[in-house]
Amino acid sequence: MKPPLKARPTATQALAVAGQTAPSLPPTQIDTADRPSTLTMRLREGTVAALSATARERGLTIKQVVAHALAQAGVAVMPADMEDRSPRRR
C-alpha cells in the first residue's frame, strides 16, 4: 500500500519555507486573471491565403496581422497578443 499523502502546506507555511530558502528574493506573484486562450475561426481558403500573404509581406505572423487589425478596429488587444511568440528554430 502507498503511504498516506502529506497535507499541502498552507500559504503562510509556503511563504515561510520560501523565505528560508531564498531570503533575498521577494515572493513571486503570478497574475492569472488574463491567461492565454484559444480562438478558432473558420474562414474561406482565399481569405486564409490573403492573410498568409499579408503576414509574409509584413514580416509578421497571422496572429499579429489579426491582432493589429482588431486593434485598429477599436478592440482592446493586450500587448502580449501583438508579439510574435512563435518558437524559434535552432
Protein backbone atom coordinates (compact mmCIF):
# COMPACT_ATOMS: atom_id res chain seq x y z
CA MET A 1 0.00 0.00 0.00
CA LYS A 2 1.07 3.54 -0.63
CA PRO A 3 1.88 5.71 2.36
CA PRO A 4 -0.74 8.37 3.08
CA LEU A 5 -0.17 11.66 1.30
CA LYS A 6 1.08 14.60 3.29
CA ALA A 7 -1.21 17.57 3.50
CA ARG A 8 -0.20 20.51 1.32
CA PRO A 9 1.35 23.43 3.17
CA THR A 10 -0.77 26.49 3.77
CA ALA A 11 0.13 29.73 2.02
CA THR A 12 1.74 31.00 5.21
CA GLN A 13 3.83 27.85 5.57
CA ALA A 14 4.90 28.01 1.90
CA LEU A 15 5.98 31.66 2.28
CA ALA A 16 7.97 30.74 5.40
CA VAL A 17 9.79 27.96 3.52
CA ALA A 18 10.47 30.29 0.58
CA GLY A 19 11.78 32.93 2.96
CA GLN A 20 14.21 30.43 4.48
CA THR A 21 15.28 29.04 1.10
CA ALA A 22 15.85 32.34 -0.71
CA PRO A 23 15.60 35.18 1.81
CA SER A 24 16.95 37.82 -0.62
CA LEU A 25 14.25 37.22 -3.24
CA PRO A 26 10.78 38.75 -2.93
CA PRO A 27 7.78 36.43 -3.16
CA THR A 28 6.67 35.89 -6.74
CA GLN A 29 3.16 36.89 -7.64
CA ILE A 30 1.59 35.44 -10.75
CA ASP A 31 -1.32 37.25 -12.35
CA THR A 32 -3.67 34.54 -13.59
CA ALA A 33 -6.58 36.85 -14.33
CA ASP A 34 -5.65 37.24 -18.01
CA ARG A 35 -4.45 33.82 -19.13
CA PRO A 36 -3.93 32.94 -22.80
CA SER A 37 -6.90 31.37 -24.50
CA THR A 38 -7.56 29.86 -27.92
CA LEU A 39 -9.73 31.36 -30.65
CA THR A 40 -10.57 29.21 -33.65
CA MET A 41 -12.06 30.78 -36.77
CA ARG A 42 -13.36 29.12 -39.92
CA LEU A 43 -12.52 31.23 -42.97
CA ARG A 44 -12.53 30.60 -46.71
CA GLU A 45 -9.27 29.36 -48.23
CA GLY A 46 -8.94 32.57 -50.21
CA THR A 47 -9.12 34.65 -47.03
CA VAL A 48 -6.55 32.46 -45.30
CA ALA A 49 -4.25 32.70 -48.34
CA ALA A 50 -4.59 36.51 -48.35
CA LEU A 51 -3.92 36.61 -44.60
CA SER A 52 -0.83 34.43 -45.02
CA ALA A 53 0.47 36.54 -47.90
CA THR A 54 -0.07 39.78 -45.96
CA ALA A 55 1.69 38.36 -42.90
CA ARG A 56 4.63 37.19 -45.04
CA GLU A 57 4.92 40.59 -46.77
CA ARG A 58 4.91 42.45 -43.45
CA GLY A 59 7.21 40.00 -41.66
CA LEU A 60 4.52 39.17 -39.12
CA THR A 61 2.61 36.11 -38.01
CA ILE A 62 -1.03 35.63 -38.97
CA LYS A 63 -1.93 36.16 -35.31
CA GLN A 64 -0.14 39.52 -35.34
CA VAL A 65 -1.95 40.64 -38.52
CA VAL A 66 -5.30 39.74 -36.95
CA ALA A 67 -4.40 41.36 -33.60
CA HIS A 68 -3.30 44.60 -35.31
CA ALA A 69 -6.49 44.68 -37.40
CA LEU A 70 -8.60 44.18 -34.26
CA ALA A 71 -6.73 46.99 -32.50
CA GLN A 72 -7.29 49.30 -35.48
CA ALA A 73 -11.00 48.43 -35.32
CA GLY A 74 -11.10 49.64 -31.73
CA VAL A 75 -10.85 46.30 -29.92
CA ALA A 76 -8.75 46.41 -26.75
CA VAL A 77 -5.95 43.99 -27.67
CA MET A 78 -3.49 43.03 -24.95
CA PRO A 79 0.13 43.97 -25.78
CA ALA A 80 1.26 40.34 -25.41
CA ASP A 81 -1.10 39.39 -28.25
CA MET A 82 0.70 41.80 -30.59
CA GLU A 83 4.04 39.99 -30.07
CA ASP A 84 5.50 37.17 -32.13
CA ARG A 85 5.69 34.35 -29.61
CA SER A 86 6.26 31.53 -32.09
CA PRO A 87 9.06 29.14 -31.17
CA ARG A 88 12.37 29.83 -32.91
CA ARG A 89 14.08 27.10 -34.90
CA ARG A 90 17.50 26.09 -33.74
